[in-house]
Amino acid sequence: MVEVLAVGTRCHAWCSDRITAGSVGLMAHFKLSADFEGMDVTACWRAGDRYVDTPLGGLDVVVQVPPELLLVPDALLSVGVRGKRPGRTIPTVVAPVGHVLPSTADHH
């Protein structure tokens, strides 16, 4: 499970599991501060040169890490959070989650 904590423009992320190339079903738990209350909030994922945005439906939610970002071994998986409402945007610093490790199938 990836854990993400966003407070204002600060973001911290860590993962308790190995992040393996080709993984499907890796989940991420987002805990957002009250700064994001009433905003349209998006998780902004990056791995290598791939970017994927995932809508978040609240301040304490669990979503799947986009599996297409877990296809390339050795890519650094990172995540940030963006909150938007008319007249205000909160971007966060992108936080590293960890490197995507080669799958055991890649080692013959």
Protein backbone atom coordinates (compact mmCIF):
# COMPACT_ATOMS: atom_id res chain seq x y z
CA MET A 1 0.00 0.00 0.00
CA VAL A 2 1.23 3.47 -0.90
CA GLU A 3 0.52 6.08 1.78
CA VAL A 4 0.23 9.74 0.77
CA LEU A 5 -0.14 12.66 3.16
CA ALA A 6 -0.79 16.13 1.70
CA VAL A 7 -0.90 19.22 3.92
CA GLY A 8 -1.19 22.48 2.00
CA THR A 9 1.57 22.46 -0.61
CA ARG A 10 3.58 19.70 1.12
CA CYS A 11 3.29 16.07 0.12
CA HIS A 12 4.88 12.99 1.69
CA ALA A 13 4.61 9.47 0.23
CA TRP A 14 5.91 6.05 1.20
CA CYS A 15 5.19 2.46 0.27
CA SER A 16 5.07 -0.56 2.57
CA ASP A 17 5.17 -3.03 -0.36
CA ARG A 18 7.69 -3.80 -3.08
CA ILE A 19 6.78 -1.91 -6.24
CA THR A 20 7.30 -4.48 -8.98
CA ALA A 21 7.14 -4.02 -12.76
CA GLY A 22 3.86 -5.34 -14.12
CA SER A 23 2.05 -5.10 -10.77
CA VAL A 24 -1.70 -4.63 -10.86
CA GLY A 25 -3.82 -3.77 -7.86
CA LEU A 26 -1.30 -1.69 -5.90
CA MET A 27 -3.47 0.64 -3.82
CA ALA A 28 -2.76 4.15 -2.52
CA HIS A 29 -4.29 5.70 0.60
CA PHE A 30 -4.52 9.49 0.46
CA LYS A 31 -4.96 11.61 3.58
CA LEU A 32 -5.46 15.27 2.77
CA SER A 33 -5.57 18.25 5.12
CA ALA A 34 -8.59 20.53 5.50
CA ASP A 35 -6.86 22.88 3.01
CA PHE A 36 -8.41 20.68 0.29
CA GLU A 37 -11.98 20.77 1.68
CA GLY A 38 -14.53 21.61 -1.04
CA MET A 39 -11.99 21.33 -3.86
CA ASP A 40 -11.79 19.06 -6.89
CA VAL A 41 -8.73 17.03 -5.90
CA THR A 42 -6.51 15.05 -8.25
CA ALA A 43 -3.59 12.70 -7.63
CA CYS A 44 -0.83 13.51 -10.13
CA TRP A 45 1.28 10.40 -10.77
CA ARG A 46 4.59 10.12 -12.62
CA ALA A 47 6.92 7.26 -13.51
CA GLY A 48 9.71 7.93 -15.96
CA ASP A 49 8.19 9.94 -18.82
CA ARG A 50 4.60 8.79 -18.13
CA TYR A 51 2.05 10.93 -16.33
CA VAL A 52 -1.44 9.93 -15.13
CA ASP A 53 -3.96 11.98 -13.16
CA THR A 54 -6.47 10.20 -10.89
CA PRO A 55 -9.48 12.04 -9.41
CA LEU A 56 -9.80 11.75 -5.63
CA GLY A 57 -13.30 11.87 -4.17
CA GLY A 58 -12.51 13.11 -0.69
CA LEU A 59 -9.95 13.90 1.98
CA ASP A 60 -9.38 10.27 3.08
CA VAL A 61 -9.61 7.91 0.12
CA VAL A 62 -8.05 4.76 -1.35
CA VAL A 63 -7.44 4.47 -5.11
CA GLN A 64 -5.48 2.13 -7.34
CA VAL A 65 -2.05 3.22 -8.50
CA PRO A 66 -2.35 3.46 -12.32
CA PRO A 67 -0.94 0.10 -13.49
CA GLU A 68 0.39 1.64 -16.71
CA LEU A 69 2.96 3.45 -14.56
CA LEU A 70 4.27 0.15 -13.22
CA LEU A 71 5.35 -1.28 -16.57
CA VAL A 72 8.93 0.00 -16.74
CA PRO A 73 11.55 -1.41 -14.33
CA ASP A 74 13.81 1.14 -12.62
CA ALA A 75 11.41 4.07 -13.19
CA LEU A 76 10.92 6.29 -10.13
CA LEU A 77 7.24 6.38 -9.12
CA SER A 78 6.23 9.79 -7.75
CA VAL A 79 2.94 11.40 -6.74
CA GLY A 80 1.59 14.84 -5.94
CA VAL A 81 -1.86 16.26 -5.21
CA ARG A 82 -3.64 19.18 -6.87
CA GLY A 83 -6.72 20.87 -5.46
CA LYS A 84 -8.82 23.25 -7.58
CA ARG A 85 -11.88 25.41 -7.11
CA PRO A 86 -12.87 28.69 -8.76
CA GLY A 87 -10.27 31.28 -7.84
CA ARG A 88 -7.91 28.93 -6.00
CA THR A 89 -5.50 26.13 -6.86
CA ILE A 90 -3.30 24.22 -4.44
CA PRO A 91 -0.45 22.38 -6.17
CA THR A 92 1.79 20.19 -4.03
CA VAL A 93 5.40 19.28 -4.41
CA VAL A 94 5.74 15.86 -6.04
CA ALA A 95 6.96 13.23 -3.57
CA PRO A 96 8.93 10.11 -4.54
CA VAL A 97 7.21 6.81 -3.68
CA GLY A 98 9.96 4.42 -4.80
CA HIS A 99 11.59 2.74 -7.78
CA VAL A 100 9.72 0.16 -9.84
CA LEU A 101 11.70 -3.06 -9.35
CA PRO A 102 12.14 -5.68 -12.08
CA SER A 103 9.69 -8.55 -11.73
CA THR A 104 11.08 -11.98 -10.83
CA ALA A 105 9.99 -13.11 -14.31
CA ASP A 106 12.63 -10.71 -15.72
CA HIS A 107 15.42 -12.73 -14.04
CA HIS A 108 16.01 -16.06 -15.81
